[in-house]
Amino acid sequence: MSTLHPRFEQLHRSAALFVLPNVWDAGGAALAQQLGASAVGTTSAAMAWSCGYPDGGALPEVALLQRVAEIVRVTSLPVTVDMEDGYSDDPQEVARRVAKLVALGVVGINIEDGANSPALLEAKLQAIRQQLGARPLFINARTDVYLRGMAKGEQAVAMSIERLQGYARAGADGGFVPGIADLGEMAHIAAGQPLPLNVMWLPGMAAHDALATAGVRRLSAGPALSTLAWKAMTDGMQALLGDTISLPTDAPGYAQLNAMFAASM
């Protein structure tokens, strides 16, 4: 169990569903804290897009570390970072990068197998634990069986369970299965391996209580909040270019937003 932030670990062990908003900058992290979130996670996709890079391993380390440092500075919430596949196939390089994130104050990471073999992620997990030694970190190991359509139905369940069991033995604290939507399949995966199960929000996703009953312990937003923000920005920019922009009456004003960040100085 992590001793760096015990309540972050406990959020994954509660019977209630732990809902994790995913942000991509310091402003989003501050908003999550203001709205009562228990913790905040980053989304690799939106972070890459906001820095001018595509998702999929293209974000430079300097940009990752800078953005994470900005997020940690403005919030007292536990921060967990989505670092894709670690941005390298070299387990030692990945481990050194993770150590830099821990030094910034993050309490957790997501790291994925993607299109690579489960053995490679297991090696990365082992290297991370060796690099960190006694320093605690909640590692959420992600398998892309569903997201990449590697299998369906019972075969997808079995493959996900097998991978998460291996990741648990290699040092993972949580298991993330993005792309899954069926409550029965979630229940089988939750029961078939020892890690608290994390799923990603999808359109039509079951209600929070139903997810918790199925054994899901953590629900994250992935890039969903960023697509909502992108839609709002698109509509506003098109309106401005067309000379018809207007703000909703409940939109926050300059003074309200500035005060939020003045408090973090």
C-alpha atoms as a PDB file:
ATOM      1  CA  MET A   1       0.000   0.000   0.000  1.00  0.00           C
ATOM      2  CA  SER A   2       1.250   3.491  -0.830  1.00  0.00           C
ATOM      3  CA  THR A   3       2.334   5.512   2.184  1.00  0.00           C
ATOM      4  CA  LEU A   4       2.918   8.639   0.122  1.00  0.00           C
ATOM      5  CA  HIS A   5      -0.813   9.270  -0.060  1.00  0.00           C
ATOM      6  CA  PRO A   6      -2.736   6.551   1.818  1.00  0.00           C
ATOM      7  CA  ARG A   7      -6.128   7.958   0.915  1.00  0.00           C
ATOM      8  CA  PHE A   8      -5.382   7.558  -2.789  1.00  0.00           C
ATOM      9  CA  GLU A   9      -4.876   3.840  -2.206  1.00  0.00           C
ATOM     10  CA  GLN A  10      -8.017   3.727  -0.056  1.00  0.00           C
ATOM     11  CA  LEU A  11     -10.102   5.281  -2.825  1.00  0.00           C
ATOM     12  CA  HIS A  12      -9.513   2.064  -4.804  1.00  0.00           C
ATOM     13  CA  ARG A  13     -10.572  -0.162  -1.913  1.00  0.00           C
ATOM     14  CA  SER A  14     -13.858   1.499  -1.009  1.00  0.00           C
ATOM     15  CA  ALA A  15     -17.179  -0.094  -1.950  1.00  0.00           C
ATOM     16  CA  ALA A  16     -18.166   3.223  -3.524  1.00  0.00           C
ATOM     17  CA  LEU A  17     -17.004   4.006  -7.041  1.00  0.00           C
ATOM     18  CA  PHE A  18     -13.942   6.266  -7.220  1.00  0.00           C
ATOM     19  CA  VAL A  19     -14.585   8.744 -10.049  1.00  0.00           C
ATOM     20  CA  LEU A  20     -11.404  10.291 -11.400  1.00  0.00           C
ATOM     21  CA  PRO A  21     -11.591  13.398 -13.640  1.00  0.00           C
ATOM     22  CA  ASN A  22      -8.833  13.523 -16.260  1.00  0.00           C
ATOM     23  CA  VAL A  23      -7.282  16.911 -16.993  1.00  0.00           C
ATOM     24  CA  TRP A  24      -4.479  18.152 -19.184  1.00  0.00           C
ATOM     25  CA  ASP A  25      -3.295  21.343 -17.502  1.00  0.00           C
ATOM     26  CA  ALA A  26      -3.055  23.189 -14.206  1.00  0.00           C
ATOM     27  CA  GLY A  27      -6.345  24.997 -14.776  1.00  0.00           C
ATOM     28  CA  GLY A  28      -8.233  21.735 -15.051  1.00  0.00           C
ATOM     29  CA  ALA A  29      -6.577  20.409 -11.902  1.00  0.00           C
ATOM     30  CA  ALA A  30      -7.555  23.517  -9.952  1.00  0.00           C
ATOM     31  CA  LEU A  31     -11.130  23.199 -11.217  1.00  0.00           C
ATOM     32  CA  ALA A  32     -11.289  19.532 -10.210  1.00  0.00           C
ATOM     33  CA  GLN A  33     -10.247  20.446  -6.686  1.00  0.00           C
ATOM     34  CA  GLN A  34     -12.763  23.318  -6.521  1.00  0.00           C
ATOM     35  CA  LEU A  35     -15.569  20.978  -7.600  1.00  0.00           C
ATOM     36  CA  GLY A  36     -14.775  18.431  -4.908  1.00  0.00           C
ATOM     37  CA  ALA A  37     -12.851  15.702  -6.735  1.00  0.00           C
ATOM     38  CA  SER A  38     -10.970  13.264  -4.526  1.00  0.00           C
ATOM     39  CA  ALA A  39      -7.962  13.095  -6.851  1.00  0.00           C
ATOM     40  CA  VAL A  40      -6.978  14.156 -10.340  1.00  0.00           C
ATOM     41  CA  GLY A  41      -5.494  12.237 -13.244  1.00  0.00           C
ATOM     42  CA  THR A  42      -3.979  13.407 -16.484  1.00  0.00           C
ATOM     43  CA  THR A  43      -5.115  12.309 -19.926  1.00  0.00           C
ATOM     44  CA  SER A  44      -2.204  11.607 -22.265  1.00  0.00           C
ATOM     45  CA  ALA A  45      -4.284  12.351 -25.358  1.00  0.00           C
ATOM     46  CA  ALA A  46      -5.496  15.793 -24.308  1.00  0.00           C
ATOM     47  CA  MET A  47      -2.142  16.707 -22.806  1.00  0.00           C
ATOM     48  CA  ALA A  48      -0.422  15.867 -26.092  1.00  0.00           C
ATOM     49  CA  TRP A  49      -3.018  17.776 -28.127  1.00  0.00           C
ATOM     50  CA  SER A  50      -2.755  20.834 -25.876  1.00  0.00           C
ATOM     51  CA  CYS A  51       1.018  20.833 -26.412  1.00  0.00           C
ATOM     52  CA  GLY A  52       0.644  20.491 -30.182  1.00  0.00           C
ATOM     53  CA  TYR A  53       1.454  16.778 -30.523  1.00  0.00           C
ATOM     54  CA  PRO A  54      -0.642  13.760 -31.516  1.00  0.00           C
ATOM     55  CA  ASP A  55      -1.448  11.094 -28.959  1.00  0.00           C
ATOM     56  CA  GLY A  56       0.548   7.897 -29.200  1.00  0.00           C
ATOM     57  CA  GLY A  57       3.992   8.394 -27.708  1.00  0.00           C
ATOM     58  CA  ALA A  58       4.896  11.704 -29.380  1.00  0.00           C
ATOM     59  CA  LEU A  59       4.905  13.993 -26.311  1.00  0.00           C
ATOM     60  CA  PRO A  60       8.502  14.997 -25.430  1.00  0.00           C
ATOM     61  CA  GLU A  61       9.644  14.278 -21.894  1.00  0.00           C
ATOM     62  CA  VAL A  62      10.355  17.952 -21.230  1.00  0.00           C
ATOM     63  CA  ALA A  63       6.743  18.829 -22.065  1.00  0.00           C
ATOM     64  CA  LEU A  64       5.402  15.993 -19.905  1.00  0.00           C
ATOM     65  CA  LEU A  65       7.469  16.988 -16.882  1.00  0.00           C
ATOM     66  CA  GLN A  66       6.712  20.686 -17.262  1.00  0.00           C
ATOM     67  CA  ARG A  67       2.974  20.132 -17.476  1.00  0.00           C
ATOM     68  CA  VAL A  68       2.952  17.717 -14.548  1.00  0.00           C
ATOM     69  CA  ALA A  69       4.967  20.152 -12.420  1.00  0.00           C
ATOM     70  CA  GLU A  70       2.402  22.874 -13.180  1.00  0.00           C
ATOM     71  CA  ILE A  71      -0.470  20.573 -12.199  1.00  0.00           C
ATOM     72  CA  VAL A  72       1.134  19.461  -8.935  1.00  0.00           C
ATOM     73  CA  ARG A  73       1.849  23.085  -7.996  1.00  0.00           C
ATOM     74  CA  VAL A  74      -1.785  24.227  -8.078  1.00  0.00           C
ATOM     75  CA  THR A  75      -3.537  21.342  -6.321  1.00  0.00           C
ATOM     76  CA  SER A  76      -3.322  19.550  -3.003  1.00  0.00           C
ATOM     77  CA  LEU A  77      -5.179  16.572  -4.491  1.00  0.00           C
ATOM     78  CA  PRO A  78      -3.341  13.326  -5.228  1.00  0.00           C
ATOM     79  CA  VAL A  79      -2.148  13.445  -8.849  1.00  0.00           C
ATOM     80  CA  THR A  80      -1.759  10.386 -11.068  1.00  0.00           C
ATOM     81  CA  VAL A  81      -0.157  10.659 -14.508  1.00  0.00           C
ATOM     82  CA  ASP A  82      -1.024   8.796 -17.696  1.00  0.00           C
ATOM     83  CA  MET A  83       2.342   8.106 -19.308  1.00  0.00           C
ATOM     84  CA  GLU A  84       1.129   5.885 -22.172  1.00  0.00           C
ATOM     85  CA  ASP A  85       3.674   3.048 -22.564  1.00  0.00           C
ATOM     86  CA  GLY A  86       6.357   4.998 -20.710  1.00  0.00           C
ATOM     87  CA  TYR A  87       7.498   6.599 -23.987  1.00  0.00           C
ATOM     88  CA  SER A  88      10.106   3.880 -24.524  1.00  0.00           C
ATOM     89  CA  ASP A  89      10.530   0.131 -25.049  1.00  0.00           C
ATOM     90  CA  ASP A  90      13.545   0.181 -22.708  1.00  0.00           C
ATOM     91  CA  PRO A  91      12.360  -0.744 -19.179  1.00  0.00           C
ATOM     92  CA  GLN A  92      15.279   1.074 -17.554  1.00  0.00           C
ATOM     93  CA  GLU A  93      14.568   4.287 -19.442  1.00  0.00           C
ATOM     94  CA  VAL A  94      10.902   4.042 -18.478  1.00  0.00           C
ATOM     95  CA  ALA A  95      11.872   3.506 -14.831  1.00  0.00           C
ATOM     96  CA  ARG A  96      14.110   6.576 -14.825  1.00  0.00           C
ATOM     97  CA  ARG A  97      11.289   8.648 -16.318  1.00  0.00           C
ATOM     98  CA  VAL A  98       8.879   7.416 -13.661  1.00  0.00           C
ATOM     99  CA  ALA A  99      11.360   8.386 -10.947  1.00  0.00           C
ATOM    100  CA  LYS A 100      11.354  11.944 -12.308  1.00  0.00           C
ATOM    101  CA  LEU A 101       7.554  12.040 -12.005  1.00  0.00           C
ATOM    102  CA  VAL A 102       7.706  10.734  -8.438  1.00  0.00           C
ATOM    103  CA  ALA A 103      10.228  13.461  -7.617  1.00  0.00           C
ATOM    104  CA  LEU A 104       7.661  16.024  -8.792  1.00  0.00           C
ATOM    105  CA  GLY A 105       5.145  14.683  -6.267  1.00  0.00           C
ATOM    106  CA  VAL A 106       2.827  12.423  -8.236  1.00  0.00           C
ATOM    107  CA  VAL A 107       1.313   9.516  -6.300  1.00  0.00           C
ATOM    108  CA  GLY A 108       0.377   7.293  -9.224  1.00  0.00           C
ATOM    109  CA  ILE A 109       0.837   6.509 -12.893  1.00  0.00           C
ATOM    110  CA  ASN A 110      -0.983   4.713 -15.684  1.00  0.00           C
ATOM    111  CA  ILE A 111       1.214   2.632 -17.952  1.00  0.00           C
ATOM    112  CA  GLU A 112      -0.125   0.515 -20.823  1.00  0.00           C
ATOM    113  CA  ASP A 113       0.768  -2.552 -22.836  1.00  0.00           C
ATOM    114  CA  GLY A 114      -0.718  -1.114 -26.024  1.00  0.00           C
ATOM    115  CA  ALA A 115       0.234  -3.195 -29.045  1.00  0.00           C
ATOM    116  CA  ASN A 116       3.305  -4.626 -27.310  1.00  0.00           C
ATOM    117  CA  SER A 117       3.619  -7.959 -25.544  1.00  0.00           C
ATOM    118  CA  PRO A 118       2.478  -8.340 -21.934  1.00  0.00           C
ATOM    119  CA  ALA A 119       6.021  -9.481 -21.107  1.00  0.00           C
ATOM    120  CA  LEU A 120       7.377  -6.042 -22.025  1.00  0.00           C
ATOM    121  CA  LEU A 121       5.002  -4.253 -19.656  1.00  0.00           C
ATOM    122  CA  GLU A 122       5.858  -6.758 -16.928  1.00  0.00           C
ATOM    123  CA  ALA A 123       9.535  -5.931 -17.438  1.00  0.00           C
ATOM    124  CA  LYS A 124       8.775  -2.214 -17.205  1.00  0.00           C
ATOM    125  CA  LEU A 125       6.813  -2.717 -13.992  1.00  0.00           C
ATOM    126  CA  GLN A 126       9.650  -4.685 -12.445  1.00  0.00           C
ATOM    127  CA  ALA A 127      12.181  -2.042 -13.499  1.00  0.00           C
ATOM    128  CA  ILE A 128      10.034   0.733 -12.020  1.00  0.00           C
ATOM    129  CA  ARG A 129       9.778  -1.044  -8.663  1.00  0.00           C
ATOM    130  CA  GLN A 130      13.515  -1.678  -8.644  1.00  0.00           C
ATOM    131  CA  GLN A 131      14.261   1.951  -9.524  1.00  0.00           C
ATOM    132  CA  LEU A 132      11.949   3.341  -6.839  1.00  0.00           C
ATOM    133  CA  GLY A 133      12.991   0.991  -4.066  1.00  0.00           C
ATOM    134  CA  ALA A 134      11.043   1.958  -0.953  1.00  0.00           C
ATOM    135  CA  ARG A 135       9.508   5.036  -2.581  1.00  0.00           C
ATOM    136  CA  PRO A 136       5.768   4.365  -2.955  1.00  0.00           C
ATOM    137  CA  LEU A 137       3.800   4.762  -6.173  1.00  0.00           C
ATOM    138  CA  PHE A 138       0.351   3.503  -7.193  1.00  0.00           C
ATOM    139  CA  ILE A 139       0.868   1.857 -10.586  1.00  0.00           C
ATOM    140  CA  ASN A 140      -2.286   1.365 -12.630  1.00  0.00           C
ATOM    141  CA  ALA A 141      -1.423  -1.170 -15.326  1.00  0.00           C
ATOM    142  CA  ARG A 142      -3.520  -0.782 -18.441  1.00  0.00           C
ATOM    143  CA  THR A 143      -4.280  -3.529 -20.907  1.00  0.00           C
ATOM    144  CA  ASP A 144      -5.625  -2.636 -24.344  1.00  0.00           C
ATOM    145  CA  VAL A 145      -7.341  -5.936 -25.114  1.00  0.00           C
ATOM    146  CA  TYR A 146     -10.724  -4.242 -25.545  1.00  0.00           C
ATOM    147  CA  LEU A 147      -9.501  -0.873 -26.796  1.00  0.00           C
ATOM    148  CA  ARG A 148      -7.586  -2.463 -29.671  1.00  0.00           C
ATOM    149  CA  GLY A 149     -10.167  -5.186 -30.350  1.00  0.00           C
ATOM    150  CA  MET A 150      -7.706  -8.032 -29.718  1.00  0.00           C
ATOM    151  CA  ALA A 151     -10.554 -10.339 -28.702  1.00  0.00           C
ATOM    152  CA  LYS A 152     -14.252 -10.322 -27.888  1.00  0.00           C
ATOM    153  CA  GLY A 153     -16.579 -11.826 -25.313  1.00  0.00           C
ATOM    154  CA  GLU A 154     -15.223 -14.634 -23.141  1.00  0.00           C
ATOM    155  CA  GLN A 155     -11.884 -14.584 -24.960  1.00  0.00           C
ATOM    156  CA  ALA A 156     -11.413 -10.877 -24.184  1.00  0.00           C
ATOM    157  CA  VAL A 157     -12.309 -11.487 -20.542  1.00  0.00           C
ATOM    158  CA  ALA A 158      -9.833 -14.369 -20.254  1.00  0.00           C
ATOM    159  CA  MET A 159      -7.062 -12.431 -22.008  1.00  0.00           C
ATOM    160  CA  SER A 160      -7.600  -9.385 -19.801  1.00  0.00           C
ATOM    161  CA  ILE A 161      -7.558 -11.488 -16.632  1.00  0.00           C
ATOM    162  CA  GLU A 162      -4.381 -13.282 -17.679  1.00  0.00           C
ATOM    163  CA  ARG A 163      -2.608 -10.015 -18.421  1.00  0.00           C
ATOM    164  CA  LEU A 164      -3.704  -8.302 -15.215  1.00  0.00           C
ATOM    165  CA  GLN A 165      -2.629 -11.306 -13.157  1.00  0.00           C
ATOM    166  CA  GLY A 166       0.841 -11.003 -14.688  1.00  0.00           C
ATOM    167  CA  TYR A 167       0.944  -7.271 -14.092  1.00  0.00           C
ATOM    168  CA  ALA A 168      -0.034  -7.807 -10.453  1.00  0.00           C
ATOM    169  CA  ARG A 169       2.847 -10.239  -9.993  1.00  0.00           C
ATOM    170  CA  ALA A 170       5.194  -7.698 -11.609  1.00  0.00           C
ATOM    171  CA  GLY A 171       4.242  -4.948  -9.152  1.00  0.00           C
ATOM    172  CA  ALA A 172       1.045  -3.238 -10.341  1.00  0.00           C
ATOM    173  CA  ASP A 173      -1.450  -1.888  -7.797  1.00  0.00           C
ATOM    174  CA  GLY A 174      -4.447  -1.427 -10.106  1.00  0.00           C
ATOM    175  CA  GLY A 175      -5.740  -2.823 -13.389  1.00  0.00           C
ATOM    176  CA  PHE A 176      -7.162  -0.622 -16.147  1.00  0.00           C
ATOM    177  CA  VAL A 177      -9.281  -2.067 -18.952  1.00  0.00           C
ATOM    178  CA  PRO A 178     -10.373   0.784 -21.253  1.00  0.00           C
ATOM    179  CA  GLY A 179     -12.919   0.032 -23.955  1.00  0.00           C
ATOM    180  CA  ILE A 180     -15.017  -2.414 -21.927  1.00  0.00           C
ATOM    181  CA  ALA A 181     -18.725  -1.599 -21.548  1.00  0.00           C
ATOM    182  CA  ASP A 182     -20.494  -4.848 -20.586  1.00  0.00           C
ATOM    183  CA  LEU A 183     -21.228  -5.102 -16.859  1.00  0.00           C
ATOM    184  CA  GLY A 184     -21.062  -8.904 -16.854  1.00  0.00           C
ATOM    185  CA  GLU A 185     -17.630  -8.892 -18.442  1.00  0.00           C
ATOM    186  CA  MET A 186     -16.469  -6.266 -15.957  1.00  0.00           C
ATOM    187  CA  ALA A 187     -17.671  -8.454 -13.097  1.00  0.00           C
ATOM    188  CA  HIS A 188     -15.758 -11.483 -14.398  1.00  0.00           C
ATOM    189  CA  ILE A 189     -12.553  -9.474 -14.808  1.00  0.00           C
ATOM    190  CA  ALA A 190     -12.902  -7.844 -11.382  1.00  0.00           C
ATOM    191  CA  ALA A 191     -13.333 -11.257  -9.748  1.00  0.00           C
ATOM    192  CA  GLY A 192     -10.680 -13.060 -11.787  1.00  0.00           C
ATOM    193  CA  GLN A 193      -7.607 -11.111 -10.753  1.00  0.00           C
ATOM    194  CA  PRO A 194      -6.423  -9.325  -7.584  1.00  0.00           C
ATOM    195  CA  LEU A 195      -6.170  -5.704  -8.750  1.00  0.00           C
ATOM    196  CA  PRO A 196      -8.897  -3.061  -8.228  1.00  0.00           C
ATOM    197  CA  LEU A 197     -10.519  -2.616 -11.630  1.00  0.00           C
ATOM    198  CA  ASN A 198     -10.476   0.737 -13.463  1.00  0.00           C
ATOM    199  CA  VAL A 199     -12.609   1.325 -16.561  1.00  0.00           C
ATOM    200  CA  MET A 200     -12.885   4.326 -18.856  1.00  0.00           C
ATOM    201  CA  TRP A 201     -16.115   6.227 -19.399  1.00  0.00           C
ATOM    202  CA  LEU A 202     -17.824   5.525 -22.717  1.00  0.00           C
ATOM    203  CA  PRO A 203     -21.070   6.858 -24.206  1.00  0.00           C
ATOM    204  CA  GLY A 204     -23.926   4.784 -22.788  1.00  0.00           C
ATOM    205  CA  MET A 205     -21.856   3.646 -19.798  1.00  0.00           C
ATOM    206  CA  ALA A 206     -23.842   2.169 -16.921  1.00  0.00           C
ATOM    207  CA  ALA A 207     -24.612   4.272 -13.850  1.00  0.00           C
ATOM    208  CA  HIS A 208     -22.067   4.568 -11.074  1.00  0.00           C
ATOM    209  CA  ASP A 209     -23.933   2.256  -8.700  1.00  0.00           C
ATOM    210  CA  ALA A 210     -24.167  -0.463 -11.347  1.00  0.00           C
ATOM    211  CA  LEU A 211     -20.460  -0.208 -12.090  1.00  0.00           C
ATOM    212  CA  ALA A 212     -19.617  -0.500  -8.392  1.00  0.00           C
ATOM    213  CA  THR A 213     -21.891  -3.530  -8.038  1.00  0.00           C
ATOM    214  CA  ALA A 214     -20.070  -5.165 -10.955  1.00  0.00           C
ATOM    215  CA  GLY A 215     -16.796  -4.789  -9.071  1.00  0.00           C
ATOM    216  CA  VAL A 216     -15.425  -1.663 -10.754  1.00  0.00           C
ATOM    217  CA  ARG A 217     -13.502   0.469  -8.280  1.00  0.00           C
ATOM    218  CA  ARG A 218     -12.346   3.392 -10.431  1.00  0.00           C
ATOM    219  CA  LEU A 219     -13.977   5.204 -13.341  1.00  0.00           C
ATOM    220  CA  SER A 220     -11.843   7.651 -15.282  1.00  0.00           C
ATOM    221  CA  ALA A 221     -12.885  10.051 -18.006  1.00  0.00           C
ATOM    222  CA  GLY A 222     -10.093   9.503 -20.523  1.00  0.00           C
ATOM    223  CA  PRO A 223     -10.241  12.238 -23.165  1.00  0.00           C
ATOM    224  CA  ALA A 224     -13.998  12.844 -22.753  1.00  0.00           C
ATOM    225  CA  LEU A 225     -13.714  16.135 -20.846  1.00  0.00           C
ATOM    226  CA  SER A 226     -11.236  17.475 -23.383  1.00  0.00           C
ATOM    227  CA  THR A 227     -13.589  16.718 -26.267  1.00  0.00           C
ATOM    228  CA  LEU A 228     -16.327  18.624 -24.439  1.00  0.00           C
ATOM    229  CA  ALA A 229     -13.959  21.556 -23.962  1.00  0.00           C
ATOM    230  CA  TRP A 230     -12.886  21.358 -27.610  1.00  0.00           C
ATOM    231  CA  LYS A 231     -16.520  21.489 -28.712  1.00  0.00           C
ATOM    232  CA  ALA A 232     -17.176  24.563 -26.563  1.00  0.00           C
ATOM    233  CA  MET A 233     -14.057  26.287 -27.902  1.00  0.00           C
ATOM    234  CA  THR A 234     -15.006  25.437 -31.480  1.00  0.00           C
ATOM    235  CA  ASP A 235     -18.503  26.862 -31.060  1.00  0.00           C
ATOM    236  CA  GLY A 236     -17.197  30.010 -29.368  1.00  0.00           C
ATOM    237  CA  MET A 237     -14.475  30.613 -31.942  1.00  0.00           C
ATOM    238  CA  GLN A 238     -16.862  30.124 -34.842  1.00  0.00           C
ATOM    239  CA  ALA A 239     -19.266  32.565 -33.210  1.00  0.00           C
ATOM    240  CA  LEU A 240     -16.508  35.131 -32.697  1.00  0.00           C
ATOM    241  CA  LEU A 241     -15.377  34.841 -36.307  1.00  0.00           C
ATOM    242  CA  GLY A 242     -18.989  35.304 -37.330  1.00  0.00           C
ATOM    243  CA  ASP A 243     -19.397  38.354 -35.044  1.00  0.00           C
ATOM    244  CA  THR A 244     -22.130  36.708 -32.948  1.00  0.00           C
ATOM    245  CA  ILE A 245     -20.334  35.565 -29.794  1.00  0.00           C
ATOM    246  CA  SER A 246     -22.186  35.584 -26.490  1.00  0.00           C
ATOM    247  CA  LEU A 247     -21.391  34.110 -23.077  1.00  0.00           C
ATOM    248  CA  PRO A 248     -23.763  32.005 -20.960  1.00  0.00           C
ATOM    249  CA  THR A 249     -25.022  33.927 -17.964  1.00  0.00           C
ATOM    250  CA  ASP A 250     -23.381  31.420 -15.613  1.00  0.00           C
ATOM    251  CA  ALA A 251     -19.953  31.557 -17.268  1.00  0.00           C
ATOM    252  CA  PRO A 252     -17.205  32.427 -14.759  1.00  0.00           C
ATOM    253  CA  GLY A 253     -15.840  35.952 -15.048  1.00  0.00           C
ATOM    254  CA  TYR A 254     -12.282  37.241 -15.047  1.00  0.00           C
ATOM    255  CA  ALA A 255     -12.225  38.029 -11.336  1.00  0.00           C
ATOM    256  CA  GLN A 256     -13.525  34.588 -10.343  1.00  0.00           C
ATOM    257  CA  LEU A 257     -10.994  32.723 -12.471  1.00  0.00           C
ATOM    258  CA  ASN A 258      -8.091  34.960 -11.508  1.00  0.00           C
ATOM    259  CA  ALA A 259      -8.864  34.546  -7.810  1.00  0.00           C
ATOM    260  CA  MET A 260      -8.693  30.756  -8.146  1.00  0.00           C
ATOM    261  CA  PHE A 261      -5.099  30.911  -9.321  1.00  0.00           C
ATOM    262  CA  ALA A 262      -4.001  33.836  -7.151  1.00  0.00           C
ATOM    263  CA  ALA A 263      -4.616  31.563  -4.181  1.00  0.00           C
ATOM    264  CA  SER A 264      -2.056  29.047  -5.489  1.00  0.00           C
ATOM    265  CA  MET A 265       0.808  31.568  -5.737  1.00  0.00           C
END
